[in-house]
Protein backbone atom coordinates (compact mmCIF):
# COMPACT_ATOMS: atom_id res chain seq x y z
CA UNK A 1 -25.26 2.45 7.50
CA UNK A 2 -23.19 0.29 9.86
CA UNK A 3 -21.06 -1.56 7.30
CA UNK A 4 -17.48 -1.90 8.47
CA UNK A 5 -18.09 -0.74 12.07
CA UNK A 6 -17.40 -4.19 13.49
CA UNK A 7 -13.76 -3.87 12.41
CA UNK A 8 -13.52 -0.15 13.20
CA UNK A 9 -11.93 0.41 16.64
CA UNK A 10 -13.37 3.94 16.89
CA UNK A 11 -16.88 2.60 16.26
CA UNK A 12 -16.37 -0.05 18.92
CA UNK A 13 -15.23 2.57 21.43
CA UNK A 14 -18.23 4.77 20.63
CA UNK A 15 -20.54 1.76 21.07
CA UNK A 16 -19.08 1.13 24.54
CA UNK A 17 -19.58 4.79 25.47
CA UNK A 18 -23.20 4.66 24.30
CA UNK A 19 -23.84 1.45 26.22
CA UNK A 20 -22.38 2.99 29.38
CA UNK A 21 -24.46 6.15 28.86
CA UNK A 22 -27.61 4.09 28.39
CA UNK A 23 -27.19 2.23 31.67
CA UNK A 24 -26.29 5.44 33.51
CA UNK A 25 -29.40 7.16 32.16
CA UNK A 26 -31.52 4.10 32.91
CA UNK A 27 -30.27 3.93 36.49
CA UNK A 28 -30.66 7.67 36.98
CA UNK A 29 -34.23 7.58 35.62
CA UNK A 30 -35.18 4.76 37.97
CA UNK A 31 -33.60 6.56 40.92
CA UNK A 32 -35.43 9.78 40.03
CA UNK A 33 -38.75 7.97 39.83
CA UNK A 34 -38.29 6.23 43.17
CA UNK A 35 -37.15 9.43 44.87
CA UNK A 36 -39.93 11.60 43.46
CA UNK A 37 -42.85 9.16 43.96
CA UNK A 38 -44.22 7.16 46.82
CA UNK A 39 -44.63 3.43 46.37
CA UNK A 40 -47.68 2.87 44.22
CA UNK A 41 -49.31 0.34 41.95
CA UNK A 42 -47.12 1.08 38.93
CA UNK A 43 -43.84 0.97 40.89
CA UNK A 44 -43.29 -2.82 40.66
CA UNK A 45 -44.05 -2.67 36.94
CA UNK A 46 -41.55 0.13 36.41
CA UNK A 47 -38.82 -1.74 38.35
CA UNK A 48 -39.55 -4.95 36.41
CA UNK A 49 -39.56 -3.15 33.05
CA UNK A 50 -36.30 -1.40 33.97
CA UNK A 51 -34.67 -4.77 34.69
CA UNK A 52 -36.11 -6.23 31.49
CA UNK A 53 -34.85 -3.28 29.44
CA UNK A 54 -31.37 -3.56 30.98
CA UNK A 55 -31.28 -7.32 30.28
CA UNK A 56 -32.46 -6.82 26.70
CA UNK A 57 -29.90 -4.10 26.10
CA UNK A 58 -27.13 -6.39 27.34
CA UNK A 59 -28.03 -8.83 24.54
CA UNK A 60 -27.33 -6.23 21.86
CA UNK A 61 -23.54 -6.79 21.45
CA UNK A 62 -24.13 -10.55 21.27
CA UNK A 63 -26.34 -10.09 18.19
CA UNK A 64 -23.79 -7.91 16.39
CA UNK A 65 -24.54 -4.68 14.57
CA UNK A 66 -25.77 -5.88 11.17
CA UNK A 67 -29.45 -5.51 10.30
CA UNK A 68 -30.28 -9.20 10.62
CA UNK A 69 -33.87 -10.28 11.42
CA UNK A 70 -32.85 -11.17 14.99
CA UNK A 71 -31.13 -7.81 15.47
CA UNK A 72 -34.15 -5.89 14.14
CA UNK A 73 -36.51 -7.93 16.33
CA UNK A 74 -34.31 -7.20 19.34
CA UNK A 75 -34.28 -3.48 18.58
CA UNK A 76 -38.06 -3.43 18.18
CA UNK A 77 -38.47 -5.15 21.55
CA UNK A 78 -36.12 -2.70 23.27
CA UNK A 79 -37.98 0.29 21.81
CA UNK A 80 -41.36 -1.20 22.78
CA UNK A 81 -40.27 -1.76 26.40
CA UNK A 82 -38.83 1.76 26.53
CA UNK A 83 -42.10 3.26 25.16
CA UNK A 84 -44.09 1.50 27.87
CA UNK A 85 -41.65 2.79 30.49
CA UNK A 86 -41.94 6.36 29.18
CA UNK A 87 -45.75 6.17 29.26
CA UNK A 88 -45.65 4.89 32.85
CA UNK A 89 -42.76 7.13 33.99
CA UNK A 90 -41.67 10.04 31.74
CA UNK A 91 -38.36 10.19 33.65
CA UNK A 92 -37.05 7.47 31.33
CA UNK A 93 -37.36 9.69 28.24
CA UNK A 94 -33.70 10.63 27.87
CA UNK A 95 -32.66 7.00 27.53
CA UNK A 96 -33.69 7.67 23.93
CA UNK A 97 -30.34 9.28 23.07
CA UNK A 98 -28.34 6.00 23.15
CA UNK A 99 -31.26 4.37 21.35
CA UNK A 100 -30.83 6.96 18.57
CA UNK A 101 -27.30 5.70 18.06
CA UNK A 102 -28.33 2.02 18.21
CA UNK A 103 -31.04 2.55 15.60
CA UNK A 104 -28.75 4.54 13.31
CA UNK A 105 -26.10 1.81 13.51
CA UNK A 106 -28.54 -1.03 12.92
CA UNK A 107 -31.17 0.09 10.43
CA UNK A 108 -31.03 1.40 6.86
CA UNK A 109 -31.04 5.18 6.57
CA UNK A 110 -34.79 5.76 6.05
CA UNK A 111 -35.87 3.26 8.69
CA UNK A 112 -33.34 4.72 11.14
CA UNK A 113 -34.66 8.27 10.58
CA UNK A 114 -38.21 7.04 11.12
CA UNK A 115 -37.17 5.43 14.40
CA UNK A 116 -35.43 8.64 15.51
CA UNK A 117 -38.60 10.60 14.74
CA UNK A 118 -40.68 8.14 16.78
CA UNK A 119 -38.31 8.28 19.75
CA UNK A 120 -38.22 12.06 19.58
CA UNK A 121 -42.01 12.25 19.65
CA UNK A 122 -42.11 10.20 22.84
CA UNK A 123 -39.38 12.35 24.39
CA UNK A 124 -41.50 15.46 23.67
CA UNK A 125 -44.52 13.68 25.15
CA UNK A 126 -42.52 12.82 28.27
CA UNK A 127 -41.21 16.36 28.71
CA UNK A 128 -44.73 17.77 28.44
CA UNK A 129 -45.87 15.28 31.08
CA UNK A 130 -43.03 16.28 33.39
CA UNK A 131 -43.92 19.96 33.01
CA UNK A 132 -47.32 19.29 34.62
CA UNK A 133 -49.10 21.41 32.06
CA UNK A 134 -46.78 24.43 32.19
CA UNK A 135 -45.87 25.87 28.79
CA UNK A 136 -42.19 25.95 27.89
CA UNK A 137 -41.06 26.29 24.24
CA UNK A 138 -37.92 24.29 25.06
CA UNK A 139 -40.09 21.26 25.71
CA UNK A 140 -41.15 21.28 22.06
CA UNK A 141 -37.93 22.52 20.43
CA UNK A 142 -35.12 20.98 22.49
CA UNK A 143 -35.80 17.23 21.93
CA UNK A 144 -36.07 17.53 18.11
CA UNK A 145 -32.98 19.77 18.09
CA UNK A 146 -30.99 17.26 20.13
CA UNK A 147 -32.23 14.42 17.92
CA UNK A 148 -31.34 16.33 14.74
CA UNK A 149 -27.91 17.22 16.10
CA UNK A 150 -27.19 13.64 17.18
CA UNK A 151 -28.41 12.25 13.87
CA UNK A 152 -26.45 14.78 11.81
CA UNK A 153 -23.22 14.12 13.71
CA UNK A 154 -23.64 10.37 13.39
CA UNK A 155 -24.48 10.46 9.67
CA UNK A 156 -21.56 12.79 8.96
CA UNK A 157 -19.14 10.63 10.96
CA UNK A 158 -20.45 7.48 9.34
CA UNK A 159 -20.02 8.90 5.84
CA UNK A 160 -16.53 10.13 6.68
CA UNK A 161 -15.66 6.67 7.95
CA UNK A 162 -17.07 5.14 4.76
CA UNK A 163 -14.95 7.49 2.65
CA UNK A 164 -11.87 6.60 4.68
CA UNK A 165 -12.57 2.89 4.28
CA UNK A 166 -13.01 3.37 0.54
CA UNK A 167 -9.75 5.32 0.40
CA UNK A 168 -7.94 2.62 2.36
CA UNK A 169 -9.38 -0.05 0.05
CA UNK A 170 -8.20 1.96 -2.96
CA UNK A 171 -4.73 2.30 -1.44
CA UNK A 172 -4.56 -1.42 -0.72
CA UNK A 173 -5.72 -2.23 -4.24
CA UNK A 174 -3.21 0.24 -5.71
CA UNK A 175 -0.44 -1.26 -3.60
CA UNK A 176 -1.34 -4.74 -4.81
CA UNK A 177 -1.39 -3.55 -8.42
CA UNK A 178 1.96 -1.83 -7.93
CA UNK A 179 3.42 -4.98 -6.39
CA UNK A 180 2.11 -7.00 -9.34
CA UNK A 181 3.63 -4.48 -11.77
CA UNK A 182 6.95 -4.62 -9.94
CA UNK A 183 6.86 -8.41 -10.08
CA UNK A 184 6.21 -8.28 -13.82
CA UNK A 185 9.02 -5.76 -14.31
CA UNK A 186 11.29 -7.89 -12.17
CA UNK A 187 10.43 -10.92 -14.27
CA UNK A 188 11.21 -9.05 -17.48
CA UNK A 189 14.48 -7.74 -16.02
CA UNK A 190 15.41 -11.25 -14.94
CA UNK A 191 14.64 -12.58 -18.40
CA UNK A 192 16.84 -9.89 -19.93
CA UNK A 193 19.61 -10.69 -17.47
CA UNK A 194 19.36 -14.40 -18.24
CA UNK A 195 19.47 -13.70 -21.96
CA UNK A 196 22.67 -11.72 -21.44
CA UNK A 197 24.12 -14.46 -19.24
CA UNK A 198 23.36 -17.10 -21.86
CA UNK A 199 24.71 -14.96 -24.67
CA UNK A 200 27.92 -14.13 -22.82
CA UNK A 201 28.63 -17.72 -21.78
CA UNK A 202 26.82 -20.65 -23.36
CA UNK A 203 26.09 -19.04 -26.74
CA UNK A 204 29.65 -17.74 -27.11
CA UNK A 205 31.07 -21.06 -25.98
CA UNK A 206 28.96 -22.97 -28.47
CA UNK A 207 29.98 -20.53 -31.22
CA UNK A 208 33.65 -21.08 -30.35
CA UNK A 209 33.20 -24.83 -30.37
CA UNK A 210 31.53 -24.66 -33.76
CA UNK A 211 34.40 -22.60 -35.21
CA UNK A 212 37.02 -24.93 -33.71
CA UNK A 213 35.30 -28.08 -34.93
CA UNK A 214 34.89 -26.60 -38.39
CA UNK A 215 38.59 -25.73 -38.40
CA UNK A 216 39.43 -29.25 -37.23
CA UNK A 217 37.31 -30.73 -40.00
CA UNK A 218 39.10 -28.63 -42.62
CA UNK A 219 42.60 -29.58 -41.39
CA UNK A 220 41.95 -33.15 -40.35
CA UNK A 221 43.48 -34.75 -43.43
CA UNK A 222 46.32 -32.29 -44.06
CA UNK A 223 47.34 -31.44 -40.48
CA UNK A 224 45.97 -34.01 -37.99
CA UNK A 225 47.92 -32.56 -35.06
CA UNK A 226 46.38 -29.10 -35.53
CA UNK A 227 42.95 -30.70 -35.94
CA UNK A 228 43.40 -32.61 -32.67
CA UNK A 229 44.45 -29.39 -30.96
CA UNK A 230 41.27 -27.72 -32.18
CA UNK A 231 39.22 -30.64 -30.91
CA UNK A 232 40.93 -30.53 -27.50
CA UNK A 233 40.29 -26.80 -27.27
CA UNK A 234 36.65 -27.33 -28.20
CA UNK A 235 36.47 -30.04 -25.53
CA UNK A 236 37.90 -27.62 -22.96
CA UNK A 237 35.34 -24.97 -23.94
CA UNK A 238 32.55 -27.56 -23.70
CA UNK A 239 33.75 -28.46 -20.21
CA UNK A 240 33.64 -24.81 -19.17
CA UNK A 241 30.19 -24.41 -20.73
CA UNK A 242 29.01 -27.36 -18.71
CA UNK A 243 30.36 -25.70 -15.57
CA UNK A 244 28.57 -22.50 -16.52
CA UNK A 245 25.32 -24.37 -17.10
CA UNK A 246 25.59 -25.99 -13.67
CA UNK A 247 26.36 -22.60 -12.18
CA UNK A 248 23.18 -21.19 -13.75
CA UNK A 249 21.20 -23.87 -12.00
CA UNK A 250 22.95 -23.16 -8.71
CA UNK A 251 23.11 -19.38 -8.39
CA UNK A 252 23.92 -17.87 -11.81
CA UNK A 253 27.35 -16.66 -10.68
CA UNK A 254 30.19 -16.83 -13.26
CA UNK A 255 32.03 -20.12 -12.96
CA UNK A 256 35.37 -18.25 -13.16
CA UNK A 257 34.49 -16.44 -9.93
CA UNK A 258 33.21 -19.52 -8.12
CA UNK A 259 36.70 -20.69 -7.19
CA UNK A 260 37.20 -17.74 -4.87
CA UNK A 261 40.18 -16.23 -6.70
CA UNK A 262 38.38 -12.95 -7.34
CA UNK A 263 37.99 -10.81 -10.42
CA UNK A 264 41.71 -10.40 -11.20
CA UNK A 265 42.34 -14.13 -11.19
CA UNK A 266 39.26 -14.75 -13.34
CA UNK A 267 40.28 -12.08 -15.87
CA UNK A 268 43.85 -13.42 -15.96
CA UNK A 269 42.61 -16.95 -16.70
CA UNK A 270 40.18 -15.62 -19.34
CA UNK A 271 42.92 -13.60 -21.04
CA UNK A 272 45.22 -16.60 -21.07
CA UNK A 273 42.57 -18.76 -22.71
CA UNK A 274 41.99 -16.10 -25.37
CA UNK A 275 45.76 -15.47 -25.90
CA UNK A 276 45.39 -11.87 -24.70
CA UNK A 277 47.66 -9.83 -22.46
CA UNK A 278 46.44 -8.88 -19.01
CA UNK A 279 47.47 -6.05 -16.68
CA UNK A 280 46.24 -4.49 -13.44
CA UNK A 281 46.85 -0.81 -12.69
CA UNK A 282 46.32 0.92 -9.36
CA UNK A 283 45.80 -0.45 -5.86
CA UNK A 284 43.04 -3.08 -5.88
CA UNK A 285 39.79 -2.16 -4.15
CA UNK A 286 37.05 -4.53 -2.95
CA UNK A 287 34.22 -4.87 -5.44
CA UNK A 288 30.67 -6.15 -4.90
CA UNK A 289 29.90 -9.54 -6.40
CA UNK A 290 27.56 -7.92 -8.94
CA UNK A 291 30.31 -5.60 -10.17
CA UNK A 292 32.82 -8.45 -10.44
CA UNK A 293 30.31 -10.59 -12.33
CA UNK A 294 29.41 -7.72 -14.69
CA UNK A 295 33.04 -6.86 -15.49
CA UNK A 296 33.91 -10.50 -16.12
CA UNK A 297 30.93 -10.92 -18.45
CA UNK A 298 31.84 -7.73 -20.30
CA UNK A 299 35.40 -9.01 -20.77
CA UNK A 300 34.10 -12.37 -21.98
CA UNK A 301 31.81 -10.69 -24.49
CA UNK A 302 34.51 -8.30 -25.73
CA UNK A 303 37.07 -11.07 -26.23
CA UNK A 304 34.46 -13.23 -27.96
CA UNK A 305 33.76 -10.35 -30.38
CA UNK A 306 37.48 -9.98 -31.03
CA UNK A 307 37.83 -13.68 -31.74
CA UNK A 308 34.81 -13.88 -34.02
CA UNK A 309 34.82 -10.52 -35.81
CA UNK A 310 38.03 -8.52 -35.41
CA UNK A 311 40.63 -10.72 -37.12
CA UNK A 312 43.13 -9.30 -34.61
CA UNK A 313 46.69 -10.46 -34.11
CA UNK A 314 46.80 -9.35 -30.47
CA UNK A 315 44.48 -8.20 -27.71
CA UNK A 316 44.96 -6.78 -24.25
CA UNK A 317 42.81 -6.63 -21.13
CA UNK A 318 43.51 -3.92 -18.53
CA UNK A 319 41.84 -3.55 -15.16
CA UNK A 320 42.42 -0.10 -13.62
CA UNK A 321 41.49 0.93 -10.10
CA UNK A 322 40.92 4.68 -9.72
CA UNK A 323 39.82 6.66 -6.67
CA UNK A 324 36.12 6.47 -7.42
CA UNK A 325 35.73 3.82 -10.10
CA UNK A 326 37.18 0.71 -11.65
CA UNK A 327 37.76 0.65 -15.42
CA UNK A 328 38.02 -2.38 -17.67
CA UNK A 329 39.67 -1.82 -21.07
CA UNK A 330 39.73 -4.46 -23.80
CA UNK A 331 41.76 -3.43 -26.86
CA UNK A 332 42.66 -5.20 -30.11
CA UNK A 333 44.54 -4.40 -33.32
CA UNK A 334 41.93 -5.92 -35.59
CA UNK A 335 40.02 -4.60 -38.54
CA UNK A 336 37.85 -2.24 -36.48
CA UNK A 337 34.58 -0.70 -37.62
CA UNK A 338 32.80 2.64 -37.86
CA UNK A 339 30.65 3.23 -34.73
CA UNK A 340 28.74 5.96 -36.58
CA UNK A 341 27.22 3.41 -38.91
CA UNK A 342 25.46 1.78 -35.96
CA UNK A 343 24.87 4.13 -33.02
CA UNK A 344 26.89 3.23 -29.96
CA UNK A 345 28.85 0.65 -31.84
CA UNK A 346 25.99 -1.80 -31.62
CA UNK A 347 26.76 -5.08 -33.29
CA UNK A 348 24.33 -7.91 -32.70
CA UNK A 349 23.37 -8.68 -29.10
CA UNK A 350 26.79 -8.49 -27.44
CA UNK A 351 27.49 -4.77 -27.11
CA UNK A 352 23.95 -3.83 -26.00
CA UNK A 353 24.13 -6.51 -23.31
CA UNK A 354 27.50 -5.16 -22.11
CA UNK A 355 26.13 -1.63 -22.01
CA UNK A 356 23.09 -2.74 -19.98
CA UNK A 357 25.35 -4.53 -17.50
CA UNK A 358 27.41 -1.39 -16.95
CA UNK A 359 24.39 0.92 -16.69
CA UNK A 360 22.67 -1.34 -14.16
CA UNK A 361 25.59 -0.63 -11.82
CA UNK A 362 25.59 3.12 -12.53
CA UNK A 363 28.51 2.82 -14.95
CA UNK A 364 29.16 3.50 -18.62
CA UNK A 365 30.44 1.58 -21.60
CA UNK A 366 32.23 3.29 -24.50
CA UNK A 367 33.56 1.92 -27.76
CA UNK A 368 36.29 3.62 -29.78
CA UNK A 369 37.01 2.15 -33.19
CA UNK A 370 37.68 2.98 -36.82
CA UNK A 371 38.09 0.79 -39.91
CA UNK A 372 41.61 -0.68 -39.98
CA UNK A 373 42.63 0.81 -36.62
CA UNK A 374 41.39 -1.74 -34.11
CA UNK A 375 38.91 -1.28 -31.27
CA UNK A 376 39.06 -0.21 -27.64
CA UNK A 377 36.12 -1.09 -25.40
CA UNK A 378 36.04 0.60 -21.99
CA UNK A 379 33.65 -0.15 -19.11
CA UNK A 380 33.71 2.12 -16.05
CA UNK A 381 31.91 1.07 -12.84
CA UNK A 382 31.72 3.35 -9.76
CA UNK A 383 33.23 1.88 -6.61
CA UNK A 384 30.24 3.01 -4.55
CA UNK A 385 26.80 1.80 -5.71
CA UNK A 386 24.44 4.42 -7.19
CA UNK A 387 21.86 5.92 -4.87
CA UNK A 388 18.33 4.63 -5.51
CA UNK A 389 15.95 7.08 -7.13
CA UNK A 390 13.36 8.54 -4.80
């Protein structure tokens, strides 16, 4: 019945109140006896038993509240001394009320109710003795009523406390499960992000190197100078891939942004490497690192798609600052495609990854294309971050 009370501050406060009440009742009972009776043979015994009962009761908190053999033996001794005191001096009867609480805290439910019944019987006996033979119904009814009331209140409070502890345990367990779920979701999101990072950098770089080396192999005999140029370009791409790989190990920021030149400088360098035009429209606005990284990756992926799939003669990259958003447009005059054939213009892993990057920042990605008419990819990112969902 007492499980969890040792760590319950309310239970500890109630225990202190009951201890204080016990000693007040014990002292008042002794004072009443000494004031109402002349010194007689039983007086030394009553004083000695009162001291013994007080000393025994002081040992209670040392033994804890759990129903250990020592605690049960202590409680039995306290009750036995109190019974002897009540037989010798009925004035000590009402010390039973704190003993009700002690028994209910210490013993299992049935044993505690048996102890309460025993204590109540002695209280009734004491009240009858104090009445000196006069009949009063309250002497028979009041002690059991008080005992029943005290027991009912304690049992109800104890069960309420148990329910609260169970609820708190459930909340703690739910919180731990939620934290574990969030960790798993965070791990999956990080894996997805890493897959996009690898696709947009290392995988595209390796694909470009493969195409350049294949071209060099085909032209090596007939046009050595062009073949060497392809090899040098592949070497440059490999160098940048190595920088990207080192950047992954360090903090996963785009290597083009690591130099501190900002998004415009990184896009300008990227466009120059891909032989694309670059333009900035509107007054520049400060962008969070995540937005800069996302826009640069989207541009890298779009230009890689143009190089590998579009067969375009020219491409252009435009960065436009509006009042509430920044827009990146990548256009080419290549062969184009029909977005309706694959919803959202999804081709391979590249476009879905770009779309996810934009949506993670509260933005959108649109693709406009038609066979033979080129392609325009547009990514719009709000300048202020999206509000978190409640």
